Amino acid sequence: MQTARQMAGGRQKREVKKEVYVDYSMIFITLFLLAFGLIMVYSTSSYEANISKGDSAYYFKHQLLPTVIGVGAMWFVSRVPYHVYRKLAVPAYFGSMICIMLVKTPLGMTVNGARRWFKLWKFSVQPAEIAKLAMIIVLATLISTLSKRITQPRAFWLVMGVPLPVCALVLGVTKNLSSALIIFGIAFTMLFISTPGYRKYILIVLAVLAIAAAVVLFVVNAGYHSQLNYRFVRILAWLDPEAYVNDKGYQTLQALYAIGSGGIFGKGLGESMQKLGFIPEAQNDMIFSIICEELGLFGAIAVMLMFLILIWRMMVIANNAPDMYGALLVIGVMGHIAIQVILNIAVVTNTIPNTGITLPFISYGGTATIFLLMEIGIVFNVARHIRVD
């Protein structure tokens, strides 16, 4: 027979086991965005898929499988103690660079003129998405290892220098400027939040970026763009999209037409006109414009509120994380999603020059969905270790 002490100890263990923090609001928002994304992918792509693929649900089916895999990966990652990722930091860093270089091998794939993927069995993999997750793990490990020394100027430039080789590979191998900017933005966000004493250095970085942007605009406005590459043409199209309606300004103008025609409550789900061949690949970068057209300003604000709540819940988890490493992991994921949402909406509304940035959880893209859900799994993992009083 068990003694009273053993029985009390057993009850105490069961009670401790039950005290696991679970952020149900974050789970709901994640699943809602995934379901909403699948609906919008089908609504946006059905016309084009029926014409080009002979199956109106082609893109929906190809997005559904990665979504299911991603949810499974999210659950698995959330169960593995997050401190294990410390040991994977160095392999993740060099592994992500190897994956990027695979694009130049026979495994590489060219889609719509861009060579940014490689073939893995029957699946296409975009290595830039792997690099984003790897960078979060690497920088969280580095910053937490430096600990108090992070306040030294040398540590600041060391952390800012770590993503540069990866960004250079992404830009040089895949010609993907937007992903390189996001990777660098993740590093900048993690460093900015973890070390508020770096204001002067951060101001220096921002000043350099502002000067670079001013030089680009001067070169463009001075009329030297005839000898420049297509990225400068995109800047010209951003400044005056109607002058480039037959080139880089076409997609932006069509997206703006979609946003304007949606009004407050939209035309109704599935009733978009701009998706009928006017916006190329609307299910990718420009899916937010179709949301505005079909669901109106109301739907667009609702989607943005969902992302704001998601980011807020991550802030809560980061503030209550059991250690600095866990908090940094959550900050990295939060920075990644926030940057990508802001840039995508800014591109669609022509606030910044057009560049290929997808809307998290909603735009079509299997690799992005899987690795974003793995990042969310890391956040849930850290949340599970929060002490509940």
Protein backbone atom coordinates (compact mmCIF):
# COMPACT_ATOMS: atom_id res chain seq x y z
CA MET A 1 0.00 0.00 0.00
CA GLN A 2 1.14 3.52 -0.73
CA THR A 3 1.97 5.80 2.15
CA ALA A 4 0.21 9.13 2.59
CA ARG A 5 3.44 10.91 1.61
CA GLN A 6 3.73 8.95 -1.67
CA MET A 7 0.10 9.66 -2.52
CA ALA A 8 0.56 13.36 -1.79
CA GLY A 9 3.73 13.39 -3.90
CA GLY A 10 1.86 11.74 -6.78
CA ARG A 11 -0.91 14.33 -6.61
CA GLN A 12 1.67 17.13 -6.54
CA LYS A 13 3.39 15.77 -9.66
CA ARG A 14 0.07 15.55 -11.48
CA GLU A 15 -0.74 19.13 -10.49
CA VAL A 16 2.68 20.37 -11.67
CA LYS A 17 2.25 18.52 -14.94
CA LYS A 18 -1.05 20.30 -15.55
CA GLU A 19 0.51 23.76 -15.02
CA VAL A 20 1.72 24.24 -18.60
CA TYR A 21 1.11 27.61 -20.21
CA VAL A 22 -0.81 27.33 -23.47
CA ASP A 23 -1.65 30.46 -25.44
CA TYR A 24 -5.00 29.44 -26.90
CA SER A 25 -5.57 32.82 -28.55
CA MET A 26 -2.35 32.42 -30.51
CA ILE A 27 -3.30 28.89 -31.54
CA PHE A 28 -6.68 30.16 -32.76
CA ILE A 29 -5.16 33.05 -34.74
CA THR A 30 -2.56 30.80 -36.38
CA LEU A 31 -5.15 28.22 -37.44
CA PHE A 32 -7.54 30.98 -38.55
CA LEU A 33 -4.89 32.59 -40.77
CA LEU A 34 -4.03 29.20 -42.27
CA ALA A 35 -7.68 28.41 -43.04
CA PHE A 36 -8.30 31.90 -44.35
CA GLY A 37 -5.17 31.62 -46.49
CA LEU A 38 -6.37 28.39 -48.07
CA ILE A 39 -9.75 29.98 -48.86
CA MET A 40 -8.11 33.04 -50.41
CA VAL A 41 -5.61 30.95 -52.41
CA TYR A 42 -8.51 29.02 -53.92
CA SER A 43 -10.58 32.14 -54.53
CA THR A 44 -7.65 34.04 -56.05
CA SER A 45 -6.17 31.30 -58.21
CA SER A 46 -9.17 29.25 -59.40
CA TYR A 47 -9.64 31.14 -62.68
CA GLU A 48 -5.99 31.10 -63.69
CA ALA A 49 -5.53 27.50 -62.52
CA ASN A 50 -8.51 26.33 -64.57
CA ILE A 51 -7.05 27.90 -67.72
CA SER A 52 -3.38 26.99 -67.30
CA LYS A 53 -3.64 23.72 -65.33
CA GLY A 54 -7.11 22.45 -66.22
CA ASP A 55 -8.00 22.23 -62.53
CA SER A 56 -9.46 25.19 -60.64
CA ALA A 57 -8.29 23.70 -57.33
CA TYR A 58 -4.68 23.11 -58.51
CA TYR A 59 -3.04 25.75 -56.29
CA PHE A 60 -5.37 24.97 -53.39
CA LYS A 61 -4.34 21.30 -53.45
CA HIS A 62 -0.66 22.18 -53.68
CA GLN A 63 -1.02 24.54 -50.72
CA LEU A 64 -3.08 22.16 -48.59
CA LEU A 65 -0.37 19.48 -48.32
CA PRO A 66 2.39 21.86 -47.08
CA THR A 67 -0.11 23.36 -44.65
CA VAL A 68 -0.85 19.92 -43.15
CA ILE A 69 2.87 19.10 -43.05
CA GLY A 70 3.56 22.49 -41.48
CA VAL A 71 0.98 21.97 -38.72
CA GLY A 72 2.58 18.59 -37.94
CA ALA A 73 6.04 20.19 -37.92
CA MET A 74 4.74 22.98 -35.66
CA TRP A 75 3.42 20.43 -33.15
CA PHE A 76 6.69 18.45 -33.22
CA VAL A 77 8.88 21.54 -32.78
CA SER A 78 6.69 22.74 -29.91
CA ARG A 79 7.37 19.48 -28.02
CA VAL A 80 11.18 19.46 -28.35
CA PRO A 81 12.86 21.51 -25.57
CA TYR A 82 14.01 24.72 -27.23
CA HIS A 83 17.50 24.60 -25.68
CA VAL A 84 18.27 21.75 -28.10
CA TYR A 85 18.43 24.38 -30.87
CA ARG A 86 21.58 25.84 -29.31
CA LYS A 87 23.47 22.76 -30.46
CA LEU A 88 22.04 23.16 -33.96
CA ALA A 89 23.09 26.79 -34.42
CA VAL A 90 26.38 26.20 -36.27
CA PRO A 91 25.03 23.35 -38.48
CA ALA A 92 21.94 25.47 -39.25
CA TYR A 93 24.10 28.43 -40.28
CA PHE A 94 26.32 26.53 -42.70
CA GLY A 95 23.52 24.18 -43.73
CA SER A 96 21.38 27.11 -44.85
CA MET A 97 24.25 28.41 -47.00
CA ILE A 98 24.70 24.98 -48.57
CA CYS A 99 20.97 24.85 -49.34
CA ILE A 100 21.21 28.25 -51.06
CA MET A 101 24.11 27.04 -53.20
CA LEU A 102 22.09 24.00 -54.29
CA VAL A 103 20.12 26.40 -56.48
CA LYS A 104 23.16 26.57 -58.80
CA THR A 105 23.40 22.78 -59.10
CA PRO A 106 21.32 20.55 -61.43
CA LEU A 107 18.81 20.37 -58.58
CA GLY A 108 18.02 24.06 -59.08
CA MET A 109 14.68 25.10 -60.53
CA THR A 110 13.65 28.14 -62.56
CA VAL A 111 10.09 29.40 -62.05
CA ASN A 112 8.77 32.43 -63.96
CA GLY A 113 12.31 33.39 -64.93
CA ALA A 114 13.66 33.29 -61.36
CA ARG A 115 16.02 30.53 -60.19
CA ARG A 116 15.30 30.48 -56.45
CA TRP A 117 14.32 26.89 -55.73
CA PHE A 118 15.85 23.42 -55.76
CA LYS A 119 14.14 20.07 -56.24
CA LEU A 120 13.91 17.66 -53.30
CA TRP A 121 12.25 14.46 -54.47
CA LYS A 122 8.86 15.71 -55.76
CA PHE A 123 8.91 18.96 -53.82
CA SER A 124 10.36 22.38 -54.62
CA VAL A 125 12.23 24.03 -51.75
CA GLN A 126 13.04 27.73 -51.42
CA PRO A 127 16.29 27.89 -49.41
CA ALA A 128 15.77 31.55 -48.44
CA GLU A 129 12.99 30.40 -46.10
CA ILE A 130 15.36 27.91 -44.47
CA ALA A 131 17.90 30.70 -44.02
CA LYS A 132 15.37 32.89 -42.16
CA LEU A 133 14.70 30.20 -39.55
CA ALA A 134 18.39 29.35 -39.30
CA MET A 135 19.28 33.01 -38.74
CA ILE A 136 16.83 33.28 -35.83
CA ILE A 137 18.41 30.26 -34.12
CA VAL A 138 21.98 31.41 -34.82
CA LEU A 139 21.49 34.98 -33.60
CA ALA A 140 19.54 33.93 -30.50
CA THR A 141 22.41 31.59 -29.62
CA LEU A 142 25.11 34.20 -30.31
CA ILE A 143 23.44 37.10 -28.46
CA SER A 144 22.57 34.97 -25.41
CA THR A 145 26.13 33.55 -25.35
CA LEU A 146 27.67 37.01 -25.43
CA SER A 147 25.33 37.94 -22.55
CA LYS A 148 26.61 41.12 -20.83
CA ARG A 149 29.38 41.56 -23.39
CA ILE A 150 26.70 42.34 -25.99
CA THR A 151 26.87 45.99 -24.85
CA GLN A 152 30.41 46.30 -26.24
CA PRO A 153 30.74 47.93 -29.71
CA ARG A 154 32.72 44.96 -31.04
CA ALA A 155 29.85 42.62 -30.16
CA PHE A 156 27.38 44.85 -31.98
CA TRP A 157 29.31 44.71 -35.26
CA LEU A 158 29.92 40.97 -34.80
CA VAL A 159 26.18 40.28 -34.55
CA MET A 160 25.43 42.57 -37.50
CA GLY A 161 28.14 40.83 -39.52
CA VAL A 162 26.86 37.28 -38.99
CA PRO A 163 23.93 37.54 -41.47
CA LEU A 164 26.02 39.26 -44.17
CA PRO A 165 27.45 36.04 -45.77
CA VAL A 166 23.96 34.52 -45.90
CA CYS A 167 22.45 37.72 -47.32
CA ALA A 168 25.25 37.90 -49.90
CA LEU A 169 24.55 34.32 -50.99
CA VAL A 170 20.79 34.90 -51.18
CA LEU A 171 21.36 38.02 -53.27
CA GLY A 172 24.16 36.61 -55.41
CA VAL A 173 22.83 33.10 -56.05
CA THR A 174 19.06 33.57 -56.11
CA LYS A 175 18.90 37.32 -56.97
CA ASN A 176 16.32 37.61 -54.16
CA LEU A 177 16.78 41.08 -52.70
CA SER A 178 13.61 40.97 -50.58
CA SER A 179 14.67 37.81 -48.70
CA ALA A 180 18.13 39.27 -48.09
CA LEU A 181 16.53 42.41 -46.63
CA ILE A 182 14.24 40.33 -44.40
CA ILE A 183 17.16 38.25 -43.06
CA PHE A 184 19.10 41.42 -42.28
CA GLY A 185 15.95 42.95 -40.77
CA ILE A 186 15.55 39.95 -38.44
CA ALA A 187 19.10 40.48 -37.16
CA PHE A 188 18.53 44.20 -36.74
CA THR A 189 15.27 43.65 -34.82
CA MET A 190 16.75 41.03 -32.47
CA LEU A 191 19.73 43.25 -31.69
CA PHE A 192 17.64 46.39 -31.28
CA ILE A 193 15.20 44.82 -28.81
CA SER A 194 17.78 42.84 -26.81
CA THR A 195 20.23 45.74 -26.37
CA PRO A 196 18.53 49.15 -26.09
CA GLY A 197 21.90 50.75 -25.28
CA TYR A 198 22.89 50.57 -28.96
CA ARG A 199 20.88 53.57 -30.04
CA LYS A 200 23.83 55.47 -31.49
CA TYR A 201 25.02 52.49 -33.53
CA ILE A 202 21.51 51.79 -34.76
CA LEU A 203 21.21 55.44 -35.76
CA ILE A 204 24.45 55.06 -37.74
CA VAL A 205 23.04 52.04 -39.60
CA LEU A 206 19.78 53.87 -40.31
CA ALA A 207 21.70 56.94 -41.50
CA VAL A 208 23.76 54.82 -43.90
CA LEU A 209 20.60 53.20 -45.27
CA ALA A 210 18.94 56.63 -45.66
CA ILE A 211 21.98 57.98 -47.53
CA ALA A 212 22.00 54.92 -49.80
CA ALA A 213 18.28 55.40 -50.55
CA ALA A 214 18.85 59.10 -51.27
CA VAL A 215 21.67 58.28 -53.68
CA VAL A 216 19.48 55.76 -55.51
CA LEU A 217 16.65 58.27 -55.85
CA PHE A 218 19.09 60.94 -57.08
CA VAL A 219 20.53 58.59 -59.70
CA VAL A 220 17.03 57.65 -60.86
CA ASN A 221 15.75 61.22 -61.01
CA ALA A 222 18.93 62.43 -62.73
CA GLY A 223 18.10 60.23 -65.70
CA TYR A 224 20.96 57.74 -65.43
CA HIS A 225 18.57 54.82 -65.18
CA SER A 226 18.94 53.81 -68.82
CA GLN A 227 22.15 51.99 -67.98
CA LEU A 228 20.88 50.52 -64.72
CA ASN A 229 19.37 47.14 -64.01
CA TYR A 230 15.75 46.13 -63.47
CA ARG A 231 15.77 47.02 -59.76
CA PHE A 232 16.15 50.68 -60.61
CA VAL A 233 13.37 50.32 -63.15
CA ARG A 234 11.19 49.09 -60.29
CA ILE A 235 11.98 52.29 -58.40
CA LEU A 236 10.96 54.32 -61.44
CA ALA A 237 7.74 52.31 -61.69
CA TRP A 238 7.10 52.97 -58.00
CA LEU A 239 7.52 56.73 -58.48
CA ASP A 240 5.31 56.79 -61.58
CA PRO A 241 3.54 53.45 -62.19
CA GLU A 242 1.41 54.83 -65.04
CA ALA A 243 4.56 55.64 -67.05
CA TYR A 244 5.54 51.96 -66.84
CA VAL A 245 2.09 50.46 -67.28
CA ASN A 246 3.44 48.04 -69.90
CA ASP A 247 6.38 46.99 -67.74
CA LYS A 248 7.09 46.99 -64.00
CA GLY A 249 4.20 49.29 -63.15
CA TYR A 250 1.48 47.02 -64.55
CA GLN A 251 1.09 44.70 -61.56
CA THR A 252 1.11 47.61 -59.10
CA LEU A 253 -1.57 49.51 -61.01
CA GLN A 254 -3.80 46.45 -61.24
CA ALA A 255 -3.40 45.87 -57.50
CA LEU A 256 -4.37 49.47 -56.79
CA TYR A 257 -7.43 49.09 -59.02
CA ALA A 258 -8.42 46.02 -57.00
CA ILE A 259 -8.01 47.85 -53.68
CA GLY A 260 -9.96 50.88 -54.89
CA SER A 261 -12.84 48.90 -56.34
CA GLY A 262 -13.38 46.89 -53.15
CA GLY A 263 -14.83 49.77 -51.18
CA ILE A 264 -15.68 49.28 -47.53
CA PHE A 265 -17.23 45.80 -47.56
CA GLY A 266 -15.92 44.46 -50.87
CA LYS A 267 -17.58 42.77 -53.82
CA GLY A 268 -17.98 39.47 -52.01
CA LEU A 269 -15.82 36.38 -51.66
CA GLY A 270 -14.96 35.00 -55.09
CA GLU A 271 -16.28 38.06 -56.95
CA SER A 272 -12.97 39.73 -57.79
CA MET A 273 -12.49 40.99 -61.34
CA GLN A 274 -8.76 41.70 -61.12
CA LYS A 275 -7.92 38.04 -60.50
CA LEU A 276 -9.33 37.18 -63.95
CA GLY A 277 -5.94 37.47 -65.60
CA PHE A 278 -5.29 41.14 -64.80
CA ILE A 279 -2.96 40.60 -61.81
CA PRO A 280 -0.24 38.08 -62.71
CA GLU A 281 0.26 35.34 -60.09
CA ALA A 282 -2.24 37.07 -57.80
CA GLN A 283 -2.17 34.18 -55.30
CA ASN A 284 1.45 35.02 -54.42
CA ASP A 285 2.67 38.50 -53.53
CA MET A 286 -0.51 40.39 -54.47
CA ILE A 287 -3.07 38.31 -52.62
CA PHE A 288 -3.73 41.17 -50.19
CA SER A 289 -5.11 43.26 -53.07
CA ILE A 290 -7.67 40.53 -53.82
CA ILE A 291 -8.60 40.43 -50.12
CA CYS A 292 -9.26 44.18 -50.34
CA GLU A 293 -11.34 43.77 -53.51
CA GLU A 294 -13.45 40.85 -52.31
CA LEU A 295 -13.75 41.69 -48.60
CA GLY A 296 -13.19 45.43 -48.74
CA LEU A 297 -11.57 47.70 -46.20
CA PHE A 298 -13.36 45.79 -43.46
CA GLY A 299 -11.71 42.50 -44.43
CA ALA A 300 -8.29 44.11 -44.90
CA ILE A 301 -8.40 45.69 -41.43
CA ALA A 302 -9.60 42.41 -39.91
CA VAL A 303 -6.57 40.58 -41.40
CA MET A 304 -4.18 43.27 -40.15
CA LEU A 305 -5.75 43.09 -36.68
CA MET A 306 -5.18 39.34 -36.64
CA PHE A 307 -1.49 39.87 -37.35
CA LEU A 308 -1.30 42.60 -34.71
CA ILE A 309 -2.83 40.30 -32.09
CA LEU A 310 -0.45 37.51 -33.13
CA ILE A 311 2.55 39.81 -32.71
CA TRP A 312 1.19 41.09 -29.38
CA ARG A 313 0.85 37.53 -28.04
CA MET A 314 4.45 36.86 -29.05
CA MET A 315 5.52 39.98 -27.16
CA VAL A 316 3.74 38.64 -24.07
CA ILE A 317 5.51 35.28 -24.41
CA ALA A 318 8.91 36.93 -24.97
CA ASN A 319 8.45 39.13 -21.86
CA ASN A 320 7.64 36.08 -19.74
CA ALA A 321 10.16 33.67 -21.26
CA PRO A 322 12.18 31.71 -18.66
CA ASP A 323 15.54 32.90 -20.02
CA MET A 324 17.18 35.27 -22.49
CA TYR A 325 17.66 32.58 -25.14
CA GLY A 326 13.96 31.72 -25.22
CA ALA A 327 13.00 35.39 -25.36
CA LEU A 328 15.39 35.98 -28.28
CA LEU A 329 13.92 33.07 -30.24
CA VAL A 330 10.44 34.55 -29.86
CA ILE A 331 11.70 38.06 -30.74
CA GLY A 332 13.27 36.67 -33.93
CA VAL A 333 10.02 35.02 -35.02
CA MET A 334 8.04 38.12 -34.10
CA GLY A 335 10.44 40.33 -36.09
CA HIS A 336 10.29 38.04 -39.11
CA ILE A 337 6.49 37.99 -39.29
CA ALA A 338 6.13 41.71 -38.53
CA ILE A 339 8.68 42.74 -41.19
CA GLN A 340 7.17 40.50 -43.83
CA VAL A 341 3.58 41.64 -43.18
CA ILE A 342 4.56 45.33 -43.23
CA LEU A 343 6.62 45.00 -46.41
CA ASN A 344 3.98 42.95 -48.24
CA ILE A 345 1.19 45.42 -47.50
CA ALA A 346 3.51 48.33 -48.32
CA VAL A 347 4.32 46.80 -51.73
CA VAL A 348 0.68 46.08 -52.57
CA THR A 349 -0.34 49.65 -51.68
CA ASN A 350 2.66 51.07 -53.61
CA THR A 351 4.14 52.57 -50.45
CA ILE A 352 7.52 51.06 -51.35
CA PRO A 353 8.91 49.72 -54.67
CA ASN A 354 7.53 46.39 -55.85
CA THR A 355 9.51 43.37 -54.71
CA GLY A 356 8.59 39.74 -54.17
CA ILE A 357 7.43 39.44 -50.56
CA THR A 358 4.65 37.06 -49.60
CA LEU A 359 1.99 37.59 -46.93
CA PRO A 360 2.66 35.09 -44.09
CA PHE A 361 0.25 32.14 -43.81
CA ILE A 362 -1.96 33.52 -46.60
CA SER A 363 0.09 33.76 -49.82
CA TYR A 364 0.71 30.65 -51.91
CA GLY A 365 4.03 28.99 -51.09
CA GLY A 366 4.72 25.62 -49.51
CA THR A 367 8.24 26.17 -48.15
CA ALA A 368 7.30 29.51 -46.58
CA THR A 369 4.25 27.99 -44.88
CA ILE A 370 6.14 25.01 -43.46
CA PHE A 371 9.03 27.03 -42.05
CA LEU A 372 6.78 29.79 -40.70
CA LEU A 373 4.80 27.16 -38.83
CA MET A 374 8.03 25.69 -37.49
CA GLU A 375 8.88 29.16 -36.17
CA ILE A 376 5.46 29.37 -34.52
CA GLY A 377 6.19 25.94 -33.03
CA ILE A 378 9.33 27.40 -31.42
CA VAL A 379 7.21 30.19 -29.90
CA PHE A 380 4.76 27.63 -28.48
CA ASN A 381 7.77 25.68 -27.18
CA VAL A 382 9.07 28.69 -25.25
CA ALA A 383 5.54 29.41 -23.99
CA ARG A 384 5.24 25.88 -22.58
CA HIS A 385 8.23 26.57 -20.33
CA ILE A 386 6.77 29.74 -18.83
CA ARG A 387 6.23 29.26 -15.13
CA VAL A 388 2.56 29.43 -14.17
CA ASP A 389 2.00 30.59 -10.59
